[in-house]
Every structure is written in C-alpha cells, then in structure tokens.
C-alpha cells in the first residue's frame, strides 16, 4: 500500500509542472492583437472633430422630421362604394 501511494505521488508530481506551457501562456493572443493593430500612434494624429452650430443642427433636424408628416385621409366606409354608370 505504501509503495502504491509513493508511486502515485511521484506520478502526480511529475504532471503538476508545465514550465514550457507556462512560459508561453498568452503569447498567441498578444501576437494576434499586435497583428491587428496597423498604426499604434494613429489616435494622436487625428484632427479634432468638426463643429456645427447648434441652431443649424436644430433646424435641419426639424426639417428632417417634417418630411415624415402625412396628410390624414378620411376614414374608410364599411360598405364598398360603387359607381353606377347608368
């Protein structure tokens, strides 16, 4: 029994250490992230956003909303209306 426990402890101790895998942990994800980034300093060279007058924006939004106004039609009757040519 003691021999079996000692052998089991040696086997489990040999499987607990993974120095090769631990040294490269996360390397592939860091490499993929770096490959997707074209220019790391791009954000520092962007021009400031163009500003627009608030009254002009409000007027254009009002004009845009007015394009959706509709003419209300009279309600439909329950019976169909027929035109009699006679």
N, C-alpha and C. Protein backbone atom coordinates (compact mmCIF):
# COMPACT_ATOMS: atom_id res chain seq x y z
N UNK A 1 0.82 -1.18 0.00
CA UNK A 1 0.00 0.00 0.00
C UNK A 1 0.87 1.26 0.00
N UNK A 2 1.92 1.25 0.79
CA UNK A 2 2.80 2.40 0.86
C UNK A 2 3.50 2.60 -0.48
N UNK A 3 3.83 1.53 -1.15
CA UNK A 3 4.51 1.61 -2.44
C UNK A 3 3.57 2.21 -3.49
N UNK A 4 2.33 1.82 -3.42
CA UNK A 4 1.36 2.34 -4.37
C UNK A 4 1.15 3.84 -4.16
N UNK A 5 1.07 4.27 -2.93
CA UNK A 5 0.89 5.69 -2.64
C UNK A 5 2.12 6.51 -3.05
N UNK A 6 3.29 5.95 -2.83
CA UNK A 6 4.52 6.64 -3.21
C UNK A 6 4.61 6.75 -4.72
N UNK A 7 4.26 5.69 -5.42
CA UNK A 7 4.28 5.71 -6.88
C UNK A 7 3.24 6.70 -7.42
N UNK A 8 2.09 6.72 -6.83
CA UNK A 8 1.05 7.66 -7.24
C UNK A 8 1.49 9.10 -6.98
N UNK A 9 2.13 9.35 -5.87
CA UNK A 9 2.61 10.70 -5.56
C UNK A 9 3.68 11.14 -6.56
N UNK A 10 4.56 10.25 -6.96
CA UNK A 10 5.59 10.58 -7.95
C UNK A 10 4.98 10.87 -9.32
N UNK A 11 4.00 10.09 -9.69
CA UNK A 11 3.35 10.30 -10.99
C UNK A 11 2.63 11.64 -11.01
N UNK A 12 1.89 11.94 -9.95
CA UNK A 12 1.15 13.20 -9.89
C UNK A 12 2.09 14.40 -9.77
N UNK A 13 3.20 14.24 -9.11
CA UNK A 13 4.16 15.34 -9.00
C UNK A 13 4.80 15.63 -10.36
N UNK A 14 4.98 14.63 -11.16
CA UNK A 14 5.56 14.83 -12.49
C UNK A 14 4.60 15.52 -13.43
N UNK A 15 3.30 15.40 -13.24
CA UNK A 15 2.31 16.01 -14.12
C UNK A 15 1.94 17.42 -13.68
N UNK A 16 2.33 17.82 -12.49
CA UNK A 16 1.88 19.11 -11.99
C UNK A 16 2.67 20.28 -12.56
N UNK A 17 3.82 20.06 -13.10
CA UNK A 17 4.66 21.14 -13.59
C UNK A 17 4.63 21.20 -15.11
N UNK A 18 4.33 22.39 -15.65
CA UNK A 18 4.33 22.59 -17.10
C UNK A 18 5.10 23.85 -17.42
N UNK A 19 6.43 23.86 -17.23
CA UNK A 19 7.18 25.11 -17.42
C UNK A 19 7.17 25.61 -18.86
N UNK A 20 7.11 24.72 -19.81
CA UNK A 20 7.12 25.15 -21.21
C UNK A 20 5.82 25.85 -21.57
N UNK A 21 4.70 25.30 -21.09
CA UNK A 21 3.41 25.92 -21.39
C UNK A 21 3.24 27.22 -20.62
N UNK A 22 3.66 27.25 -19.38
CA UNK A 22 3.52 28.45 -18.56
C UNK A 22 4.34 29.61 -19.11
N UNK A 23 5.46 29.35 -19.70
CA UNK A 23 6.32 30.42 -20.23
C UNK A 23 5.67 31.09 -21.44
N UNK A 24 4.88 30.33 -22.19
CA UNK A 24 4.25 30.87 -23.41
C UNK A 24 2.77 31.18 -23.24
N UNK A 25 2.29 31.23 -22.01
CA UNK A 25 0.88 31.46 -21.76
C UNK A 25 0.48 32.86 -22.22
N UNK A 26 -0.51 32.97 -23.12
CA UNK A 26 -1.00 34.24 -23.62
C UNK A 26 -0.20 34.80 -24.79
N UNK A 27 0.83 34.12 -25.21
CA UNK A 27 1.67 34.63 -26.30
C UNK A 27 0.89 34.74 -27.62
N UNK A 28 0.07 33.74 -27.92
CA UNK A 28 -0.65 33.76 -29.20
C UNK A 28 -1.69 34.87 -29.23
N UNK A 29 -2.36 35.13 -28.10
CA UNK A 29 -3.36 36.20 -28.10
C UNK A 29 -2.68 37.57 -28.20
N UNK A 30 -1.54 37.77 -27.55
CA UNK A 30 -0.81 39.03 -27.69
C UNK A 30 -0.31 39.22 -29.12
N UNK A 31 0.13 38.14 -29.74
CA UNK A 31 0.62 38.21 -31.11
C UNK A 31 -0.52 38.53 -32.08
N UNK A 32 -1.70 37.95 -31.89
CA UNK A 32 -2.84 38.22 -32.75
C UNK A 32 -3.32 39.67 -32.59
N UNK A 33 -3.32 40.19 -31.35
CA UNK A 33 -3.73 41.56 -31.12
C UNK A 33 -2.74 42.54 -31.77
N UNK A 34 -1.46 42.25 -31.68
CA UNK A 34 -0.45 43.12 -32.30
C UNK A 34 -0.54 43.09 -33.82
N UNK A 35 -0.93 41.96 -34.38
CA UNK A 35 -1.05 41.85 -35.84
C UNK A 35 -2.25 42.64 -36.36
N UNK A 36 -3.27 42.84 -35.54
CA UNK A 36 -4.46 43.58 -35.98
C UNK A 36 -4.27 45.08 -35.89
N UNK A 37 -3.30 45.54 -35.15
CA UNK A 37 -3.07 46.96 -34.96
C UNK A 37 -2.11 47.46 -36.04
N UNK A 38 -2.59 48.34 -36.92
CA UNK A 38 -1.77 48.83 -38.03
C UNK A 38 -0.86 49.95 -37.56
N UNK A 39 -1.41 50.95 -36.92
CA UNK A 39 -0.64 52.12 -36.52
C UNK A 39 -0.97 52.46 -35.07
N UNK A 40 -0.07 52.18 -34.14
CA UNK A 40 -0.39 52.43 -32.74
C UNK A 40 -0.54 53.91 -32.40
N UNK A 41 0.08 54.80 -33.16
CA UNK A 41 0.02 56.24 -32.86
C UNK A 41 -1.05 56.96 -33.67
N UNK A 42 -1.97 56.25 -34.26
CA UNK A 42 -2.98 56.88 -35.12
C UNK A 42 -3.90 57.79 -34.32
N UNK A 43 -4.20 57.45 -33.10
CA UNK A 43 -5.13 58.27 -32.33
C UNK A 43 -4.55 59.62 -31.95
N UNK A 44 -3.23 59.72 -31.89
CA UNK A 44 -2.63 61.01 -31.53
C UNK A 44 -2.56 61.97 -32.71
N UNK A 45 -2.74 61.48 -33.91
CA UNK A 45 -2.66 62.33 -35.09
C UNK A 45 -4.00 62.64 -35.71
N UNK A 46 -5.08 62.27 -35.09
CA UNK A 46 -6.40 62.53 -35.67
C UNK A 46 -6.76 63.99 -35.50
N UNK A 47 -7.38 64.60 -36.50
CA UNK A 47 -7.78 66.00 -36.37
C UNK A 47 -8.98 66.12 -35.42
N UNK A 48 -9.17 67.27 -34.82
CA UNK A 48 -10.33 67.43 -33.94
C UNK A 48 -11.62 67.35 -34.77
N UNK A 49 -12.70 66.91 -34.16
CA UNK A 49 -13.95 66.79 -34.92
C UNK A 49 -14.47 68.17 -35.33
N UNK A 50 -15.09 68.20 -36.49
CA UNK A 50 -15.67 69.44 -37.00
C UNK A 50 -16.89 69.81 -36.16
N UNK A 51 -17.01 71.08 -35.83
CA UNK A 51 -18.14 71.52 -35.03
C UNK A 51 -19.19 72.18 -35.91
N UNK A 52 -20.43 72.08 -35.49
CA UNK A 52 -21.55 72.66 -36.24
C UNK A 52 -22.35 73.51 -35.27
N UNK A 53 -22.91 74.59 -35.79
CA UNK A 53 -23.73 75.47 -34.99
C UNK A 53 -24.98 74.73 -34.51
N UNK A 54 -25.33 74.90 -33.25
CA UNK A 54 -26.47 74.21 -32.68
C UNK A 54 -27.78 74.60 -33.32
N UNK A 55 -27.94 75.87 -33.71
CA UNK A 55 -29.18 76.30 -34.36
C UNK A 55 -29.33 75.65 -35.73
N UNK A 56 -28.21 75.49 -36.43
CA UNK A 56 -28.27 74.85 -37.75
C UNK A 56 -28.66 73.39 -37.62
N UNK A 57 -28.14 72.72 -36.61
CA UNK A 57 -28.49 71.31 -36.40
C UNK A 57 -29.95 71.18 -36.02
N UNK A 58 -30.43 72.07 -35.15
CA UNK A 58 -31.84 72.01 -34.75
C UNK A 58 -32.75 72.25 -35.94
N UNK A 59 -32.39 73.19 -36.81
CA UNK A 59 -33.20 73.45 -37.99
C UNK A 59 -33.21 72.29 -38.95
N UNK A 60 -32.06 71.65 -39.14
CA UNK A 60 -32.02 70.52 -40.07
C UNK A 60 -32.78 69.33 -39.51
N UNK A 61 -32.71 69.13 -38.20
CA UNK A 61 -33.49 68.04 -37.60
C UNK A 61 -34.99 68.30 -37.71
N UNK A 62 -35.39 69.55 -37.54
CA UNK A 62 -36.82 69.90 -37.68
C UNK A 62 -37.27 69.68 -39.12
N UNK A 63 -36.45 70.10 -40.10
CA UNK A 63 -36.81 69.88 -41.50
C UNK A 63 -36.88 68.40 -41.83
N UNK A 64 -35.98 67.63 -41.25
CA UNK A 64 -35.99 66.18 -41.49
C UNK A 64 -37.25 65.55 -40.91
N UNK A 65 -37.63 65.99 -39.71
CA UNK A 65 -38.83 65.44 -39.10
C UNK A 65 -40.08 65.84 -39.87
N UNK A 66 -40.06 67.03 -40.49
CA UNK A 66 -41.22 67.48 -41.27
C UNK A 66 -41.43 66.64 -42.53
N UNK A 67 -40.41 65.96 -43.00
CA UNK A 67 -40.59 65.13 -44.20
C UNK A 67 -41.47 63.92 -43.91
N UNK A 68 -41.65 63.59 -42.64
CA UNK A 68 -42.47 62.44 -42.29
C UNK A 68 -43.91 62.80 -41.98
N UNK A 69 -44.27 64.06 -42.08
CA UNK A 69 -45.66 64.45 -41.88
C UNK A 69 -46.50 63.88 -43.03
N UNK A 70 -47.71 63.51 -42.74
CA UNK A 70 -48.58 62.95 -43.76
C UNK A 70 -49.93 63.63 -43.72
N UNK A 71 -50.61 63.51 -44.80
CA UNK A 71 -51.96 64.07 -44.91
C UNK A 71 -52.92 63.01 -44.41
N UNK A 72 -53.77 63.41 -43.47
CA UNK A 72 -54.70 62.46 -42.92
C UNK A 72 -55.84 62.22 -43.90
N UNK A 73 -56.10 60.98 -44.19
CA UNK A 73 -57.14 60.61 -45.15
C UNK A 73 -58.46 60.40 -44.41
N UNK A 74 -59.56 60.60 -45.11
CA UNK A 74 -60.86 60.35 -44.45
C UNK A 74 -61.00 58.86 -44.15
N UNK A 75 -61.76 58.51 -43.14
CA UNK A 75 -61.91 57.10 -42.79
C UNK A 75 -62.64 56.33 -43.87
N UNK A 76 -62.30 55.09 -44.00
CA UNK A 76 -62.95 54.23 -44.99
C UNK A 76 -64.32 53.83 -44.49
N UNK A 77 -65.24 53.68 -45.42
CA UNK A 77 -66.59 53.25 -45.06
C UNK A 77 -66.62 51.73 -44.98
N UNK A 78 -67.62 51.23 -44.25
CA UNK A 78 -67.72 49.79 -44.12
C UNK A 78 -68.21 49.13 -45.40
N UNK A 79 -69.11 49.81 -46.14
CA UNK A 79 -69.62 49.23 -47.37
C UNK A 79 -68.83 49.80 -48.55
N UNK A 80 -68.51 48.96 -49.49
CA UNK A 80 -67.77 49.48 -50.66
C UNK A 80 -68.67 50.39 -51.48
N UNK A 81 -68.12 51.45 -51.98
CA UNK A 81 -68.87 52.39 -52.80
C UNK A 81 -68.74 51.99 -54.27
N UNK A 82 -69.89 51.89 -54.91
CA UNK A 82 -69.87 51.52 -56.32
C UNK A 82 -70.31 52.70 -57.14
N UNK A 83 -69.69 52.85 -58.26
CA UNK A 83 -70.07 53.92 -59.18
C UNK A 83 -70.96 53.28 -60.23
N UNK A 84 -72.19 53.76 -60.34
CA UNK A 84 -73.14 53.22 -61.30
C UNK A 84 -73.14 54.14 -62.53
N UNK A 85 -72.73 53.64 -63.68
CA UNK A 85 -72.71 54.50 -64.86
C UNK A 85 -74.08 54.80 -65.43
N UNK A 86 -75.18 54.20 -65.04
CA UNK A 86 -76.50 54.42 -65.62
C UNK A 86 -77.18 55.59 -65.08
